[in-house]
Amino acid sequence: MLKIAIIVFSYLLGSISFAVISSRIFRLPDPRTYGSGNPGATNVLRTGKKAAAALTLIGDGLKGTAAVLVAQHFSDDPAVVAAAALAAFSGHLFPVFLRFRGGKGVATALGVSFGLFFWLGAAVAGTWLAVFLFSRISSLSALIAAALAPIYAILMLGTNILSLSVLTMSMLLIWRHKSNIEKLVRGEEGAFRKK
């Protein structure tokens, strides 16, 4: 029962949309009604409210980290920790509180990575940042970081169920970016300009 409770808790935690919460706090439009329609930090940033986007990014990341840390605290079974990680990530993608229409999971996946192993999270975050500084394209940064995350996981955590959970998250994250991939191929994906 405890294992089930951990997984359910992780899913419900992942289902909390900080994009919606921060938008209400800063009196912004619902992030599902403009831009990409995605309730995530990048879309919230389109309003020009950097504080709201930062709150979204931090909140969505911390819920992934928290889910993993809670699972590690109450269970020493790697399978439970891996399931909690995937549950939190799935909660963000398919949140029960938003009729299962959630974000793409970049921040939550990053938070999960930090929870699994600090240096794994640092490697993924560093990859995202390096690609973004070069390209200024958020989706490209996320896709490359997601593609490399399972490799980092295997190198740092070994070939085990935790690495498998990272691979699963990466595959889901890339799938959620399918429209961005199409735009990248056509050369139509927008980039953030330096200010």
C-alpha atoms as a PDB file:
ATOM      1  CA  MET A   1       0.000   0.000   0.000  1.00  0.00           C
ATOM      2  CA  LEU A   2       2.866   2.369   0.788  1.00  0.00           C
ATOM      3  CA  LYS A   3       4.360   1.861  -2.658  1.00  0.00           C
ATOM      4  CA  ILE A   4       1.029   2.603  -4.314  1.00  0.00           C
ATOM      5  CA  ALA A   5       0.574   5.673  -2.130  1.00  0.00           C
ATOM      6  CA  ILE A   6       4.010   6.980  -3.164  1.00  0.00           C
ATOM      7  CA  ILE A   7       3.195   6.567  -6.851  1.00  0.00           C
ATOM      8  CA  VAL A   8      -0.250   8.159  -6.551  1.00  0.00           C
ATOM      9  CA  PHE A   9       1.213  11.044  -4.535  1.00  0.00           C
ATOM     10  CA  SER A  10       3.887  11.569  -7.186  1.00  0.00           C
ATOM     11  CA  TYR A  11       1.306  11.655  -9.973  1.00  0.00           C
ATOM     12  CA  LEU A  12      -0.897  14.135  -8.125  1.00  0.00           C
ATOM     13  CA  LEU A  13       2.119  16.300  -7.322  1.00  0.00           C
ATOM     14  CA  GLY A  14       3.141  16.221 -10.973  1.00  0.00           C
ATOM     15  CA  SER A  15      -0.395  17.205 -11.965  1.00  0.00           C
ATOM     16  CA  ILE A  16      -0.073  20.599 -10.248  1.00  0.00           C
ATOM     17  CA  SER A  17       0.411  23.163 -13.022  1.00  0.00           C
ATOM     18  CA  PHE A  18       2.615  26.013 -11.881  1.00  0.00           C
ATOM     19  CA  ALA A  19       2.029  27.735 -15.220  1.00  0.00           C
ATOM     20  CA  VAL A  20      -1.635  28.104 -14.329  1.00  0.00           C
ATOM     21  CA  ILE A  21      -0.863  28.992 -10.701  1.00  0.00           C
ATOM     22  CA  SER A  22       1.738  31.636 -11.554  1.00  0.00           C
ATOM     23  CA  SER A  23      -0.529  33.103 -14.232  1.00  0.00           C
ATOM     24  CA  ARG A  24      -3.285  33.546 -11.651  1.00  0.00           C
ATOM     25  CA  ILE A  25      -0.864  35.063  -9.144  1.00  0.00           C
ATOM     26  CA  PHE A  26       0.389  37.597 -11.696  1.00  0.00           C
ATOM     27  CA  ARG A  27      -3.084  38.093 -13.194  1.00  0.00           C
ATOM     28  CA  LEU A  28      -2.071  36.817 -16.609  1.00  0.00           C
ATOM     29  CA  PRO A  29      -4.235  34.985 -19.149  1.00  0.00           C
ATOM     30  CA  ASP A  30      -4.498  31.212 -18.836  1.00  0.00           C
ATOM     31  CA  PRO A  31      -1.362  29.859 -20.604  1.00  0.00           C
ATOM     32  CA  ARG A  32      -3.541  27.386 -22.494  1.00  0.00           C
ATOM     33  CA  THR A  33      -5.251  30.252 -24.344  1.00  0.00           C
ATOM     34  CA  TYR A  34      -2.298  31.893 -26.130  1.00  0.00           C
ATOM     35  CA  GLY A  35       0.994  31.143 -27.844  1.00  0.00           C
ATOM     36  CA  SER A  36       1.620  27.418 -28.103  1.00  0.00           C
ATOM     37  CA  GLY A  37      -1.229  26.696 -25.690  1.00  0.00           C
ATOM     38  CA  ASN A  38       1.276  24.795 -23.590  1.00  0.00           C
ATOM     39  CA  PRO A  39       1.107  25.315 -19.802  1.00  0.00           C
ATOM     40  CA  GLY A  40       4.834  25.673 -19.329  1.00  0.00           C
ATOM     41  CA  ALA A  41       7.504  28.255 -18.526  1.00  0.00           C
ATOM     42  CA  THR A  42       8.399  29.041 -22.139  1.00  0.00           C
ATOM     43  CA  ASN A  43       4.814  29.892 -23.018  1.00  0.00           C
ATOM     44  CA  VAL A  44       4.323  31.959 -19.861  1.00  0.00           C
ATOM     45  CA  LEU A  45       7.462  33.893 -20.818  1.00  0.00           C
ATOM     46  CA  ARG A  46       5.644  35.039 -23.954  1.00  0.00           C
ATOM     47  CA  THR A  47       3.590  37.379 -21.737  1.00  0.00           C
ATOM     48  CA  GLY A  48       6.766  39.284 -20.921  1.00  0.00           C
ATOM     49  CA  LYS A  49       6.448  38.480 -17.216  1.00  0.00           C
ATOM     50  CA  LYS A  50       9.825  36.938 -16.428  1.00  0.00           C
ATOM     51  CA  ALA A  51       8.913  36.483 -12.749  1.00  0.00           C
ATOM     52  CA  ALA A  52       5.863  34.410 -13.689  1.00  0.00           C
ATOM     53  CA  ALA A  53       7.935  32.291 -16.066  1.00  0.00           C
ATOM     54  CA  ALA A  54      10.613  31.817 -13.398  1.00  0.00           C
ATOM     55  CA  LEU A  55       8.017  30.723 -10.835  1.00  0.00           C
ATOM     56  CA  THR A  56       6.628  28.250 -13.363  1.00  0.00           C
ATOM     57  CA  LEU A  57      10.064  26.853 -14.145  1.00  0.00           C
ATOM     58  CA  ILE A  58      11.068  26.500 -10.500  1.00  0.00           C
ATOM     59  CA  GLY A  59       7.736  25.051  -9.412  1.00  0.00           C
ATOM     60  CA  ASP A  60       7.534  22.509 -12.211  1.00  0.00           C
ATOM     61  CA  GLY A  61      11.130  21.502 -11.570  1.00  0.00           C
ATOM     62  CA  LEU A  62      10.806  21.203  -7.810  1.00  0.00           C
ATOM     63  CA  LYS A  63       7.738  18.972  -8.003  1.00  0.00           C
ATOM     64  CA  GLY A  64       9.810  16.464  -9.991  1.00  0.00           C
ATOM     65  CA  THR A  65      12.635  16.626  -7.472  1.00  0.00           C
ATOM     66  CA  ALA A  66      10.244  16.384  -4.524  1.00  0.00           C
ATOM     67  CA  ALA A  67       8.511  13.303  -5.900  1.00  0.00           C
ATOM     68  CA  VAL A  68      11.820  11.462  -6.217  1.00  0.00           C
ATOM     69  CA  LEU A  69      13.097  12.561  -2.803  1.00  0.00           C
ATOM     70  CA  VAL A  70       9.865  11.518  -1.090  1.00  0.00           C
ATOM     71  CA  ALA A  71      10.037   8.127  -2.795  1.00  0.00           C
ATOM     72  CA  GLN A  72      13.671   7.699  -1.728  1.00  0.00           C
ATOM     73  CA  HIS A  73      12.775   8.654   1.843  1.00  0.00           C
ATOM     74  CA  PHE A  74       9.984   6.119   2.209  1.00  0.00           C
ATOM     75  CA  SER A  75      11.367   3.299   0.070  1.00  0.00           C
ATOM     76  CA  ASP A  76      14.797   1.894  -0.717  1.00  0.00           C
ATOM     77  CA  ASP A  77      13.406   0.020  -3.723  1.00  0.00           C
ATOM     78  CA  PRO A  78      14.808   1.526  -6.966  1.00  0.00           C
ATOM     79  CA  ALA A  79      11.698   0.333  -8.802  1.00  0.00           C
ATOM     80  CA  VAL A  80       9.494   2.476  -6.561  1.00  0.00           C
ATOM     81  CA  VAL A  81      11.753   5.490  -7.043  1.00  0.00           C
ATOM     82  CA  ALA A  82      11.699   4.979 -10.815  1.00  0.00           C
ATOM     83  CA  ALA A  83       7.908   4.610 -10.778  1.00  0.00           C
ATOM     84  CA  ALA A  84       7.558   7.781  -8.704  1.00  0.00           C
ATOM     85  CA  ALA A  85       9.784   9.665 -11.148  1.00  0.00           C
ATOM     86  CA  LEU A  86       7.672   8.535 -14.101  1.00  0.00           C
ATOM     87  CA  ALA A  87       4.440   9.223 -12.219  1.00  0.00           C
ATOM     88  CA  ALA A  88       5.439  12.820 -11.488  1.00  0.00           C
ATOM     89  CA  PHE A  89       6.509  13.349 -15.083  1.00  0.00           C
ATOM     90  CA  SER A  90       3.318  11.733 -16.398  1.00  0.00           C
ATOM     91  CA  GLY A  91       1.300  13.917 -14.051  1.00  0.00           C
ATOM     92  CA  HIS A  92       2.763  16.994 -15.691  1.00  0.00           C
ATOM     93  CA  LEU A  93       2.062  15.660 -19.185  1.00  0.00           C
ATOM     94  CA  PHE A  94      -1.414  14.361 -18.350  1.00  0.00           C
ATOM     95  CA  PRO A  95      -2.602  16.268 -15.256  1.00  0.00           C
ATOM     96  CA  VAL A  96      -5.847  15.138 -13.706  1.00  0.00           C
ATOM     97  CA  PHE A  97      -6.512  18.731 -12.604  1.00  0.00           C
ATOM     98  CA  LEU A  98      -6.389  20.045 -16.198  1.00  0.00           C
ATOM     99  CA  ARG A  99      -8.404  17.297 -17.882  1.00  0.00           C
ATOM    100  CA  PHE A 100      -5.174  15.485 -18.810  1.00  0.00           C
ATOM    101  CA  ARG A 101      -3.924  18.323 -21.043  1.00  0.00           C
ATOM    102  CA  GLY A 102      -0.561  19.310 -19.631  1.00  0.00           C
ATOM    103  CA  GLY A 103       2.821  20.643 -20.626  1.00  0.00           C
ATOM    104  CA  LYS A 104       5.767  19.103 -22.408  1.00  0.00           C
ATOM    105  CA  GLY A 105       7.647  18.176 -19.256  1.00  0.00           C
ATOM    106  CA  VAL A 106      11.046  19.818 -19.707  1.00  0.00           C
ATOM    107  CA  ALA A 107      11.286  21.425 -16.260  1.00  0.00           C
ATOM    108  CA  THR A 108       9.743  18.434 -14.478  1.00  0.00           C
ATOM    109  CA  ALA A 109      12.095  15.998 -16.222  1.00  0.00           C
ATOM    110  CA  LEU A 110      15.019  18.196 -15.200  1.00  0.00           C
ATOM    111  CA  GLY A 111      13.756  18.242 -11.617  1.00  0.00           C
ATOM    112  CA  VAL A 112      13.449  14.466 -11.615  1.00  0.00           C
ATOM    113  CA  SER A 113      17.028  14.207 -12.904  1.00  0.00           C
ATOM    114  CA  PHE A 114      18.311  16.326 -10.030  1.00  0.00           C
ATOM    115  CA  GLY A 115      16.356  14.166  -7.601  1.00  0.00           C
ATOM    116  CA  LEU A 116      17.832  10.944  -8.964  1.00  0.00           C
ATOM    117  CA  PHE A 117      21.413  12.235  -8.862  1.00  0.00           C
ATOM    118  CA  PHE A 118      22.572  15.840  -8.592  1.00  0.00           C
ATOM    119  CA  TRP A 119      25.261  15.536 -11.244  1.00  0.00           C
ATOM    120  CA  LEU A 120      22.811  13.942 -13.654  1.00  0.00           C
ATOM    121  CA  GLY A 121      20.582  16.979 -13.326  1.00  0.00           C
ATOM    122  CA  ALA A 122      23.582  19.282 -13.671  1.00  0.00           C
ATOM    123  CA  ALA A 123      24.675  17.544 -16.880  1.00  0.00           C
ATOM    124  CA  VAL A 124      21.196  17.766 -18.405  1.00  0.00           C
ATOM    125  CA  ALA A 125      20.789  21.416 -17.362  1.00  0.00           C
ATOM    126  CA  GLY A 126      24.261  22.244 -18.673  1.00  0.00           C
ATOM    127  CA  THR A 127      23.441  20.663 -22.026  1.00  0.00           C
ATOM    128  CA  TRP A 128      20.200  22.614 -22.315  1.00  0.00           C
ATOM    129  CA  LEU A 129      21.955  25.869 -21.438  1.00  0.00           C
ATOM    130  CA  ALA A 130      24.867  25.309 -23.841  1.00  0.00           C
ATOM    131  CA  VAL A 131      22.554  24.569 -26.777  1.00  0.00           C
ATOM    132  CA  PHE A 132      20.282  27.491 -25.906  1.00  0.00           C
ATOM    133  CA  LEU A 133      23.149  29.979 -25.696  1.00  0.00           C
ATOM    134  CA  PHE A 134      24.237  28.862 -29.153  1.00  0.00           C
ATOM    135  CA  SER A 135      20.844  28.523 -30.857  1.00  0.00           C
ATOM    136  CA  ARG A 136      18.451  30.651 -28.733  1.00  0.00           C
ATOM    137  CA  ILE A 137      15.837  27.961 -29.473  1.00  0.00           C
ATOM    138  CA  SER A 138      14.227  26.463 -26.369  1.00  0.00           C
ATOM    139  CA  SER A 139      12.740  23.401 -28.065  1.00  0.00           C
ATOM    140  CA  LEU A 140      16.030  22.445 -29.745  1.00  0.00           C
ATOM    141  CA  SER A 141      17.789  22.769 -26.401  1.00  0.00           C
ATOM    142  CA  ALA A 142      15.196  20.512 -24.758  1.00  0.00           C
ATOM    143  CA  LEU A 143      15.384  17.912 -27.520  1.00  0.00           C
ATOM    144  CA  ILE A 144      19.169  17.621 -27.439  1.00  0.00           C
ATOM    145  CA  ALA A 145      19.222  17.518 -23.637  1.00  0.00           C
ATOM    146  CA  ALA A 146      16.531  14.817 -23.688  1.00  0.00           C
ATOM    147  CA  ALA A 147      18.457  12.782 -26.250  1.00  0.00           C
ATOM    148  CA  LEU A 148      21.630  12.877 -24.159  1.00  0.00           C
ATOM    149  CA  ALA A 149      19.977  12.388 -20.740  1.00  0.00           C
ATOM    150  CA  PRO A 150      19.740   8.551 -20.985  1.00  0.00           C
ATOM    151  CA  ILE A 151      23.434   8.390 -21.912  1.00  0.00           C
ATOM    152  CA  TYR A 152      24.334  10.534 -18.910  1.00  0.00           C
ATOM    153  CA  ALA A 153      22.117   8.333 -16.725  1.00  0.00           C
ATOM    154  CA  ILE A 154      23.791   5.124 -17.842  1.00  0.00           C
ATOM    155  CA  LEU A 155      27.251   6.612 -17.296  1.00  0.00           C
ATOM    156  CA  MET A 156      26.383   7.943 -13.835  1.00  0.00           C
ATOM    157  CA  LEU A 157      23.775   5.499 -12.524  1.00  0.00           C
ATOM    158  CA  GLY A 158      24.593   2.358 -14.486  1.00  0.00           C
ATOM    159  CA  THR A 159      22.310   0.205 -16.597  1.00  0.00           C
ATOM    160  CA  ASN A 160      19.351  -0.174 -14.266  1.00  0.00           C
ATOM    161  CA  ILE A 161      15.702   0.695 -13.772  1.00  0.00           C
ATOM    162  CA  LEU A 162      16.516   4.294 -12.845  1.00  0.00           C
ATOM    163  CA  SER A 163      18.282   4.811 -16.159  1.00  0.00           C
ATOM    164  CA  LEU A 164      15.344   3.129 -17.853  1.00  0.00           C
ATOM    165  CA  SER A 165      13.008   5.668 -16.273  1.00  0.00           C
ATOM    166  CA  VAL A 166      15.198   8.480 -17.643  1.00  0.00           C
ATOM    167  CA  LEU A 167      15.088   6.884 -21.100  1.00  0.00           C
ATOM    168  CA  THR A 168      11.292   6.616 -20.898  1.00  0.00           C
ATOM    169  CA  MET A 169      10.961  10.257 -19.885  1.00  0.00           C
ATOM    170  CA  SER A 170      13.241  11.317 -22.719  1.00  0.00           C
ATOM    171  CA  MET A 171      11.204   9.397 -25.267  1.00  0.00           C
ATOM    172  CA  LEU A 172       7.961  10.917 -23.989  1.00  0.00           C
ATOM    173  CA  LEU A 173       9.480  14.398 -23.931  1.00  0.00           C
ATOM    174  CA  ILE A 174      10.676  14.074 -27.527  1.00  0.00           C
ATOM    175  CA  TRP A 175       7.228  12.777 -28.543  1.00  0.00           C
ATOM    176  CA  ARG A 176       5.587  15.788 -26.897  1.00  0.00           C
ATOM    177  CA  HIS A 177       7.829  18.020 -29.007  1.00  0.00           C
ATOM    178  CA  LYS A 178       6.766  16.471 -32.315  1.00  0.00           C
ATOM    179  CA  SER A 179       5.222  19.724 -33.564  1.00  0.00           C
ATOM    180  CA  ASN A 180       8.416  21.583 -32.638  1.00  0.00           C
ATOM    181  CA  ILE A 181      10.477  18.993 -34.507  1.00  0.00           C
ATOM    182  CA  GLU A 182       8.384  19.598 -37.622  1.00  0.00           C
ATOM    183  CA  LYS A 183       8.934  23.356 -37.305  1.00  0.00           C
ATOM    184  CA  LEU A 184      12.666  22.855 -36.783  1.00  0.00           C
ATOM    185  CA  VAL A 185      12.865  20.758 -39.932  1.00  0.00           C
ATOM    186  CA  ARG A 186      11.027  23.471 -41.877  1.00  0.00           C
ATOM    187  CA  GLY A 187      13.169  26.206 -40.316  1.00  0.00           C
ATOM    188  CA  GLU A 188      10.118  27.827 -38.763  1.00  0.00           C
ATOM    189  CA  GLU A 189      10.809  27.368 -35.055  1.00  0.00           C
ATOM    190  CA  GLY A 190      11.068  30.708 -33.274  1.00  0.00           C
ATOM    191  CA  ALA A 191      14.171  31.765 -31.379  1.00  0.00           C
ATOM    192  CA  PHE A 192      14.510  34.051 -28.373  1.00  0.00           C
ATOM    193  CA  ARG A 193      16.309  37.232 -29.283  1.00  0.00           C
ATOM    194  CA  LYS A 194      19.111  38.618 -27.153  1.00  0.00           C
ATOM    195  CA  LYS A 195      18.183  41.788 -25.283  1.00  0.00           C
END
